[in-house]
mmCIF file of all heavy atoms, coordinates in Angstrom:
data_MODEL
# 
_entry.id   MODEL 
# 
loop_
_atom_site.group_PDB 
_atom_site.id 
_atom_site.type_symbol 
_atom_site.label_atom_id 
_atom_site.label_alt_id 
_atom_site.label_comp_id 
_atom_site.label_asym_id 
_atom_site.label_entity_id 
_atom_site.label_seq_id 
_atom_site.pdbx_PDB_ins_code 
_atom_site.Cartn_x 
_atom_site.Cartn_y 
_atom_site.Cartn_z 
_atom_site.occupancy 
_atom_site.B_iso_or_equiv 
_atom_site.pdbx_formal_charge 
_atom_site.auth_seq_id 
_atom_site.auth_comp_id 
_atom_site.auth_asym_id 
_atom_site.auth_atom_id 
_atom_site.pdbx_PDB_model_num 
ATOM 1   N N   . ALA A 1 1  ? 86.379  147.163 289.476 1.00 0.00 ? 1  ALA A N   1 
ATOM 2   C CA  . ALA A 1 1  ? 87.235  146.116 289.667 1.00 0.00 ? 1  ALA A CA  1 
ATOM 3   C C   . ALA A 1 1  ? 88.412  146.095 288.663 1.00 0.00 ? 1  ALA A C   1 
ATOM 4   O O   . ALA A 1 1  ? 89.534  145.950 289.049 1.00 0.00 ? 1  ALA A O   1 
ATOM 5   C CB  . ALA A 1 1  ? 86.643  144.737 289.809 1.00 0.00 ? 1  ALA A CB  1 
ATOM 6   N N   . ALA A 1 2  ? 88.015  146.382 287.357 1.00 0.00 ? 2  ALA A N   1 
ATOM 7   C CA  . ALA A 1 2  ? 89.035  146.470 286.399 1.00 0.00 ? 2  ALA A CA  1 
ATOM 8   C C   . ALA A 1 2  ? 90.038  147.697 286.626 1.00 0.00 ? 2  ALA A C   1 
ATOM 9   O O   . ALA A 1 2  ? 91.251  147.465 286.440 1.00 0.00 ? 2  ALA A O   1 
ATOM 10  C CB  . ALA A 1 2  ? 88.407  146.634 284.973 1.00 0.00 ? 2  ALA A CB  1 
ATOM 11  N N   . LEU A 1 3  ? 89.503  148.771 287.015 1.00 0.00 ? 3  LEU A N   1 
ATOM 12  C CA  . LEU A 1 3  ? 90.299  149.890 287.305 1.00 0.00 ? 3  LEU A CA  1 
ATOM 13  C C   . LEU A 1 3  ? 91.295  149.602 288.449 1.00 0.00 ? 3  LEU A C   1 
ATOM 14  O O   . LEU A 1 3  ? 92.462  149.912 288.392 1.00 0.00 ? 3  LEU A O   1 
ATOM 15  C CB  . LEU A 1 3  ? 89.524  151.117 287.676 1.00 0.00 ? 3  LEU A CB  1 
ATOM 16  C CG  . LEU A 1 3  ? 88.744  151.831 286.499 1.00 0.00 ? 3  LEU A CG  1 
ATOM 17  C CD1 . LEU A 1 3  ? 87.868  152.910 286.976 1.00 0.00 ? 3  LEU A CD1 1 
ATOM 18  C CD2 . LEU A 1 3  ? 89.763  152.175 285.478 1.00 0.00 ? 3  LEU A CD2 1 
ATOM 19  N N   . ASP A 1 4  ? 90.769  148.931 289.506 1.00 0.00 ? 4  ASP A N   1 
ATOM 20  C CA  . ASP A 1 4  ? 91.585  148.524 290.606 1.00 0.00 ? 4  ASP A CA  1 
ATOM 21  C C   . ASP A 1 4  ? 92.649  147.628 290.149 1.00 0.00 ? 4  ASP A C   1 
ATOM 22  O O   . ASP A 1 4  ? 93.900  147.697 290.544 1.00 0.00 ? 4  ASP A O   1 
ATOM 23  C CB  . ASP A 1 4  ? 90.796  147.882 291.738 1.00 0.00 ? 4  ASP A CB  1 
ATOM 24  C CG  . ASP A 1 4  ? 89.943  148.849 292.570 1.00 0.00 ? 4  ASP A CG  1 
ATOM 25  O OD1 . ASP A 1 4  ? 90.220  150.047 292.412 1.00 0.00 ? 4  ASP A OD1 1 
ATOM 26  O OD2 . ASP A 1 4  ? 89.042  148.267 293.249 1.00 0.00 ? 4  ASP A OD2 1 
ATOM 27  N N   . GLY A 1 5  ? 92.358  146.633 289.362 1.00 0.00 ? 5  GLY A N   1 
ATOM 28  C CA  . GLY A 1 5  ? 93.303  145.612 288.802 1.00 0.00 ? 5  GLY A CA  1 
ATOM 29  C C   . GLY A 1 5  ? 94.371  146.364 287.944 1.00 0.00 ? 5  GLY A C   1 
ATOM 30  O O   . GLY A 1 5  ? 95.619  146.070 288.073 1.00 0.00 ? 5  GLY A O   1 
ATOM 31  N N   . ASP A 1 6  ? 93.949  147.301 287.161 1.00 0.00 ? 6  ASP A N   1 
ATOM 32  C CA  . ASP A 1 6  ? 94.958  148.084 286.342 1.00 0.00 ? 6  ASP A CA  1 
ATOM 33  C C   . ASP A 1 6  ? 95.945  148.817 287.234 1.00 0.00 ? 6  ASP A C   1 
ATOM 34  O O   . ASP A 1 6  ? 97.123  148.928 286.918 1.00 0.00 ? 6  ASP A O   1 
ATOM 35  C CB  . ASP A 1 6  ? 94.128  149.054 285.408 1.00 0.00 ? 6  ASP A CB  1 
ATOM 36  C CG  . ASP A 1 6  ? 93.482  148.395 284.263 1.00 0.00 ? 6  ASP A CG  1 
ATOM 37  O OD1 . ASP A 1 6  ? 93.823  147.238 283.952 1.00 0.00 ? 6  ASP A OD1 1 
ATOM 38  O OD2 . ASP A 1 6  ? 92.542  149.004 283.701 1.00 0.00 ? 6  ASP A OD2 1 
ATOM 39  N N   . GLN A 1 7  ? 95.430  149.423 288.375 1.00 0.00 ? 7  GLN A N   1 
ATOM 40  C CA  . GLN A 1 7  ? 96.284  150.121 289.162 1.00 0.00 ? 7  GLN A CA  1 
ATOM 41  C C   . GLN A 1 7  ? 97.243  149.341 289.888 1.00 0.00 ? 7  GLN A C   1 
ATOM 42  O O   . GLN A 1 7  ? 98.434  149.522 289.938 1.00 0.00 ? 7  GLN A O   1 
ATOM 43  C CB  . GLN A 1 7  ? 95.502  150.994 290.174 1.00 0.00 ? 7  GLN A CB  1 
ATOM 44  C CG  . GLN A 1 7  ? 94.693  152.161 289.735 1.00 0.00 ? 7  GLN A CG  1 
ATOM 45  C CD  . GLN A 1 7  ? 93.792  152.836 290.694 1.00 0.00 ? 7  GLN A CD  1 
ATOM 46  O OE1 . GLN A 1 7  ? 93.482  152.240 291.791 1.00 0.00 ? 7  GLN A OE1 1 
ATOM 47  N NE2 . GLN A 1 7  ? 93.420  153.994 290.345 1.00 0.00 ? 7  GLN A NE2 1 
ATOM 48  N N   . ALA A 1 8  ? 96.770  148.148 290.363 1.00 0.00 ? 8  ALA A N   1 
ATOM 49  C CA  . ALA A 1 8  ? 97.697  147.203 290.946 1.00 0.00 ? 8  ALA A CA  1 
ATOM 50  C C   . ALA A 1 8  ? 98.712  146.577 289.967 1.00 0.00 ? 8  ALA A C   1 
ATOM 51  O O   . ALA A 1 8  ? 99.776  146.289 290.362 1.00 0.00 ? 8  ALA A O   1 
ATOM 52  C CB  . ALA A 1 8  ? 96.852  145.978 291.575 1.00 0.00 ? 8  ALA A CB  1 
ATOM 53  N N   . ALA A 1 9  ? 98.344  146.430 288.748 1.00 0.00 ? 9  ALA A N   1 
ATOM 54  C CA  . ALA A 1 9  ? 99.160  145.965 287.737 1.00 0.00 ? 9  ALA A CA  1 
ATOM 55  C C   . ALA A 1 9  ? 100.344 146.928 287.410 1.00 0.00 ? 9  ALA A C   1 
ATOM 56  O O   . ALA A 1 9  ? 101.418 146.506 286.930 1.00 0.00 ? 9  ALA A O   1 
ATOM 57  C CB  . ALA A 1 9  ? 98.446  145.570 286.382 1.00 0.00 ? 9  ALA A CB  1 
ATOM 58  N N   . LYS A 1 10 ? 100.132 148.194 287.641 1.00 0.00 ? 10 LYS A N   1 
ATOM 59  C CA  . LYS A 1 10 ? 101.052 149.289 287.336 1.00 0.00 ? 10 LYS A CA  1 
ATOM 60  C C   . LYS A 1 10 ? 101.985 149.589 288.604 1.00 0.00 ? 10 LYS A C   1 
ATOM 61  O O   . LYS A 1 10 ? 102.916 150.385 288.417 1.00 0.00 ? 10 LYS A O   1 
ATOM 62  C CB  . LYS A 1 10 ? 100.445 150.482 286.941 1.00 0.00 ? 10 LYS A CB  1 
ATOM 63  C CG  . LYS A 1 10 ? 99.731  150.274 285.461 1.00 0.00 ? 10 LYS A CG  1 
ATOM 64  C CD  . LYS A 1 10 ? 99.018  151.539 285.039 1.00 0.00 ? 10 LYS A CD  1 
ATOM 65  C CE  . LYS A 1 10 ? 98.217  151.381 283.707 1.00 0.00 ? 10 LYS A CE  1 
ATOM 66  N NZ  . LYS A 1 10 ? 97.403  152.447 283.402 1.00 0.00 ? 10 LYS A NZ  1 
ATOM 67  N N   . ASP A 1 11 ? 101.512 149.085 289.772 1.00 0.00 ? 11 ASP A N   1 
ATOM 68  C CA  . ASP A 1 11 ? 102.218 149.446 290.989 1.00 0.00 ? 11 ASP A CA  1 
ATOM 69  C C   . ASP A 1 11 ? 103.558 148.783 291.059 1.00 0.00 ? 11 ASP A C   1 
ATOM 70  O O   . ASP A 1 11 ? 103.672 147.534 291.312 1.00 0.00 ? 11 ASP A O   1 
ATOM 71  C CB  . ASP A 1 11 ? 101.373 149.135 292.139 1.00 0.00 ? 11 ASP A CB  1 
ATOM 72  C CG  . ASP A 1 11 ? 101.894 149.625 293.556 1.00 0.00 ? 11 ASP A CG  1 
ATOM 73  O OD1 . ASP A 1 11 ? 102.971 150.030 293.566 1.00 0.00 ? 11 ASP A OD1 1 
ATOM 74  O OD2 . ASP A 1 11 ? 101.041 149.633 294.463 1.00 0.00 ? 11 ASP A OD2 1 
ATOM 75  N N   . PRO A 1 12 ? 104.665 149.587 291.143 1.00 0.00 ? 12 PRO A N   1 
ATOM 76  C CA  . PRO A 1 12 ? 106.038 148.889 291.187 1.00 0.00 ? 12 PRO A CA  1 
ATOM 77  C C   . PRO A 1 12 ? 106.303 148.385 292.579 1.00 0.00 ? 12 PRO A C   1 
ATOM 78  O O   . PRO A 1 12 ? 107.171 147.454 292.753 1.00 0.00 ? 12 PRO A O   1 
ATOM 79  C CB  . PRO A 1 12 ? 106.995 150.077 290.860 1.00 0.00 ? 12 PRO A CB  1 
ATOM 80  C CG  . PRO A 1 12 ? 106.223 151.359 291.231 1.00 0.00 ? 12 PRO A CG  1 
ATOM 81  C CD  . PRO A 1 12 ? 104.732 151.018 290.929 1.00 0.00 ? 12 PRO A CD  1 
ATOM 82  N N   . ALA A 1 13 ? 105.461 148.707 293.563 1.00 0.00 ? 13 ALA A N   1 
ATOM 83  C CA  . ALA A 1 13 ? 105.566 148.062 294.827 1.00 0.00 ? 13 ALA A CA  1 
ATOM 84  C C   . ALA A 1 13 ? 105.180 146.523 294.827 1.00 0.00 ? 13 ALA A C   1 
ATOM 85  O O   . ALA A 1 13 ? 105.530 145.763 295.777 1.00 0.00 ? 13 ALA A O   1 
ATOM 86  C CB  . ALA A 1 13 ? 104.802 148.762 295.973 1.00 0.00 ? 13 ALA A CB  1 
ATOM 87  N N   . ASN A 1 14 ? 104.360 146.169 293.947 1.00 0.00 ? 14 ASN A N   1 
ATOM 88  C CA  . ASN A 1 14 ? 103.867 144.815 293.879 1.00 0.00 ? 14 ASN A CA  1 
ATOM 89  C C   . ASN A 1 14 ? 104.950 143.919 293.043 1.00 0.00 ? 14 ASN A C   1 
ATOM 90  O O   . ASN A 1 14 ? 105.580 144.442 292.181 1.00 0.00 ? 14 ASN A O   1 
ATOM 91  C CB  . ASN A 1 14 ? 102.573 144.659 292.976 1.00 0.00 ? 14 ASN A CB  1 
ATOM 92  C CG  . ASN A 1 14 ? 101.440 145.320 293.792 1.00 0.00 ? 14 ASN A CG  1 
ATOM 93  O OD1 . ASN A 1 14 ? 101.489 145.317 294.996 1.00 0.00 ? 14 ASN A OD1 1 
ATOM 94  N ND2 . ASN A 1 14 ? 100.431 145.750 293.106 1.00 0.00 ? 14 ASN A ND2 1 
ATOM 95  N N   . SER A 1 15 ? 104.946 142.664 293.425 1.00 0.00 ? 15 SER A N   1 
ATOM 96  C CA  . SER A 1 15 ? 105.888 141.721 292.605 1.00 0.00 ? 15 SER A CA  1 
ATOM 97  C C   . SER A 1 15 ? 105.399 141.600 291.135 1.00 0.00 ? 15 SER A C   1 
ATOM 98  O O   . SER A 1 15 ? 104.297 141.978 290.841 1.00 0.00 ? 15 SER A O   1 
ATOM 99  C CB  . SER A 1 15 ? 105.922 140.422 293.347 1.00 0.00 ? 15 SER A CB  1 
ATOM 100 O OG  . SER A 1 15 ? 104.625 139.717 293.214 1.00 0.00 ? 15 SER A OG  1 
ATOM 101 N N   . ASP A 1 16 ? 106.402 141.012 290.367 1.00 0.00 ? 16 ASP A N   1 
ATOM 102 C CA  . ASP A 1 16 ? 106.009 140.784 288.902 1.00 0.00 ? 16 ASP A CA  1 
ATOM 103 C C   . ASP A 1 16 ? 104.824 139.855 288.884 1.00 0.00 ? 16 ASP A C   1 
ATOM 104 O O   . ASP A 1 16 ? 103.870 140.092 288.099 1.00 0.00 ? 16 ASP A O   1 
ATOM 105 C CB  . ASP A 1 16 ? 107.217 140.180 288.262 1.00 0.00 ? 16 ASP A CB  1 
ATOM 106 C CG  . ASP A 1 16 ? 108.379 141.019 288.028 1.00 0.00 ? 16 ASP A CG  1 
ATOM 107 O OD1 . ASP A 1 16 ? 108.067 142.394 288.163 1.00 0.00 ? 16 ASP A OD1 1 
ATOM 108 O OD2 . ASP A 1 16 ? 109.392 140.670 287.774 1.00 0.00 ? 16 ASP A OD2 1 
ATOM 109 N N   . TYR A 1 17 ? 104.881 138.894 289.801 1.00 0.00 ? 17 TYR A N   1 
ATOM 110 C CA  . TYR A 1 17 ? 103.782 137.878 289.770 1.00 0.00 ? 17 TYR A CA  1 
ATOM 111 C C   . TYR A 1 17 ? 102.401 138.622 290.119 1.00 0.00 ? 17 TYR A C   1 
ATOM 112 O O   . TYR A 1 17 ? 101.363 138.350 289.456 1.00 0.00 ? 17 TYR A O   1 
ATOM 113 C CB  . TYR A 1 17 ? 103.991 136.743 290.796 1.00 0.00 ? 17 TYR A CB  1 
ATOM 114 C CG  . TYR A 1 17 ? 102.919 135.806 290.959 1.00 0.00 ? 17 TYR A CG  1 
ATOM 115 C CD1 . TYR A 1 17 ? 102.722 134.820 289.892 1.00 0.00 ? 17 TYR A CD1 1 
ATOM 116 C CD2 . TYR A 1 17 ? 101.966 135.818 291.987 1.00 0.00 ? 17 TYR A CD2 1 
ATOM 117 C CE1 . TYR A 1 17 ? 101.603 133.933 290.037 1.00 0.00 ? 17 TYR A CE1 1 
ATOM 118 C CE2 . TYR A 1 17 ? 100.900 134.921 292.072 1.00 0.00 ? 17 TYR A CE2 1 
ATOM 119 C CZ  . TYR A 1 17 ? 100.784 133.983 291.107 1.00 0.00 ? 17 TYR A CZ  1 
ATOM 120 O OH  . TYR A 1 17 ? 99.707  133.106 291.126 1.00 0.00 ? 17 TYR A OH  1 
ATOM 121 N N   . ALA A 1 18 ? 102.414 139.321 291.182 1.00 0.00 ? 18 ALA A N   1 
ATOM 122 C CA  . ALA A 1 18 ? 101.171 140.164 291.599 1.00 0.00 ? 18 ALA A CA  1 
ATOM 123 C C   . ALA A 1 18 ? 100.749 140.993 290.518 1.00 0.00 ? 18 ALA A C   1 
ATOM 124 O O   . ALA A 1 18 ? 99.511  141.185 290.266 1.00 0.00 ? 18 ALA A O   1 
ATOM 125 C CB  . ALA A 1 18 ? 101.384 140.864 292.909 1.00 0.00 ? 18 ALA A CB  1 
ATOM 126 N N   . ARG A 1 19 ? 101.674 141.770 289.749 1.00 0.00 ? 19 ARG A N   1 
ATOM 127 C CA  . ARG A 1 19 ? 101.313 142.549 288.750 1.00 0.00 ? 19 ARG A CA  1 
ATOM 128 C C   . ARG A 1 19 ? 100.579 141.774 287.642 1.00 0.00 ? 19 ARG A C   1 
ATOM 129 O O   . ARG A 1 19 ? 99.646  142.322 287.106 1.00 0.00 ? 19 ARG A O   1 
ATOM 130 C CB  . ARG A 1 19 ? 102.419 143.403 288.325 1.00 0.00 ? 19 ARG A CB  1 
ATOM 131 C CG  . ARG A 1 19 ? 102.770 144.500 289.288 1.00 0.00 ? 19 ARG A CG  1 
ATOM 132 C CD  . ARG A 1 19 ? 103.677 145.523 288.749 1.00 0.00 ? 19 ARG A CD  1 
ATOM 133 N NE  . ARG A 1 19 ? 104.945 145.066 288.059 1.00 0.00 ? 19 ARG A NE  1 
ATOM 134 C CZ  . ARG A 1 19 ? 106.056 144.823 288.640 1.00 0.00 ? 19 ARG A CZ  1 
ATOM 135 N NH1 . ARG A 1 19 ? 106.237 145.074 289.863 1.00 0.00 ? 19 ARG A NH1 1 
ATOM 136 N NH2 . ARG A 1 19 ? 107.045 144.288 287.874 1.00 0.00 ? 19 ARG A NH2 1 
ATOM 137 N N   . GLY A 1 20 ? 101.147 140.682 287.347 1.00 0.00 ? 20 GLY A N   1 
ATOM 138 C CA  . GLY A 1 20 ? 100.663 139.725 286.251 1.00 0.00 ? 20 GLY A CA  1 
ATOM 139 C C   . GLY A 1 20 ? 99.204  139.287 286.594 1.00 0.00 ? 20 GLY A C   1 
ATOM 140 O O   . GLY A 1 20 ? 98.337  139.265 285.710 1.00 0.00 ? 20 GLY A O   1 
ATOM 141 N N   . VAL A 1 21 ? 99.006  138.834 287.833 1.00 0.00 ? 21 VAL A N   1 
ATOM 142 C CA  . VAL A 1 21 ? 97.696  138.449 288.261 1.00 0.00 ? 21 VAL A CA  1 
ATOM 143 C C   . VAL A 1 21 ? 96.650  139.654 288.150 1.00 0.00 ? 21 VAL A C   1 
ATOM 144 O O   . VAL A 1 21 ? 95.568  139.470 287.727 1.00 0.00 ? 21 VAL A O   1 
ATOM 145 C CB  . VAL A 1 21 ? 97.750  137.855 289.619 1.00 0.00 ? 21 VAL A CB  1 
ATOM 146 C CG1 . VAL A 1 21 ? 96.382  137.580 290.224 1.00 0.00 ? 21 VAL A CG1 1 
ATOM 147 C CG2 . VAL A 1 21 ? 98.506  136.574 289.704 1.00 0.00 ? 21 VAL A CG2 1 
ATOM 148 N N   . ALA A 1 22 ? 97.116  140.805 288.683 1.00 0.00 ? 22 ALA A N   1 
ATOM 149 C CA  . ALA A 1 22 ? 96.213  141.917 288.646 1.00 0.00 ? 22 ALA A CA  1 
ATOM 150 C C   . ALA A 1 22 ? 95.822  142.289 287.268 1.00 0.00 ? 22 ALA A C   1 
ATOM 151 O O   . ALA A 1 22 ? 94.672  142.604 286.971 1.00 0.00 ? 22 ALA A O   1 
ATOM 152 C CB  . ALA A 1 22 ? 96.945  143.149 289.379 1.00 0.00 ? 22 ALA A CB  1 
ATOM 153 N N   . SER A 1 23 ? 96.784  142.190 286.402 1.00 0.00 ? 23 SER A N   1 
ATOM 154 C CA  . SER A 1 23 ? 96.460  142.593 284.916 1.00 0.00 ? 23 SER A CA  1 
ATOM 155 C C   . SER A 1 23 ? 95.477  141.477 284.372 1.00 0.00 ? 23 SER A C   1 
ATOM 156 O O   . SER A 1 23 ? 94.504  141.906 283.639 1.00 0.00 ? 23 SER A O   1 
ATOM 157 C CB  . SER A 1 23 ? 97.730  142.449 284.111 1.00 0.00 ? 23 SER A CB  1 
ATOM 158 O OG  . SER A 1 23 ? 97.521  142.708 282.794 1.00 0.00 ? 23 SER A OG  1 
ATOM 159 N N   . ARG A 1 24 ? 95.572  140.199 284.617 1.00 0.00 ? 24 ARG A N   1 
ATOM 160 C CA  . ARG A 1 24 ? 94.628  139.244 284.103 1.00 0.00 ? 24 ARG A CA  1 
ATOM 161 C C   . ARG A 1 24 ? 93.307  139.452 284.751 1.00 0.00 ? 24 ARG A C   1 
ATOM 162 O O   . ARG A 1 24 ? 92.236  139.347 284.108 1.00 0.00 ? 24 ARG A O   1 
ATOM 163 C CB  . ARG A 1 24 ? 95.249  137.847 284.360 1.00 0.00 ? 24 ARG A CB  1 
ATOM 164 C CG  . ARG A 1 24 ? 96.358  137.536 283.436 1.00 0.00 ? 24 ARG A CG  1 
ATOM 165 C CD  . ARG A 1 24 ? 96.788  136.077 283.537 1.00 0.00 ? 24 ARG A CD  1 
ATOM 166 N NE  . ARG A 1 24 ? 97.411  135.752 284.820 1.00 0.00 ? 24 ARG A NE  1 
ATOM 167 C CZ  . ARG A 1 24 ? 98.615  135.964 285.189 1.00 0.00 ? 24 ARG A CZ  1 
ATOM 168 N NH1 . ARG A 1 24 ? 99.435  136.590 284.426 1.00 0.00 ? 24 ARG A NH1 1 
ATOM 169 N NH2 . ARG A 1 24 ? 99.111  135.595 286.393 1.00 0.00 ? 24 ARG A NH2 1 
# 
C-alpha cells in the first residue's frame, strides 16, 4: 500500500490534493 501511495503521490496526472493525500 505504501508503494502504491508513493506512485500516486508522484503521478502528475493526479491533482495536488490527491498527491498530498497519497503521500500521507
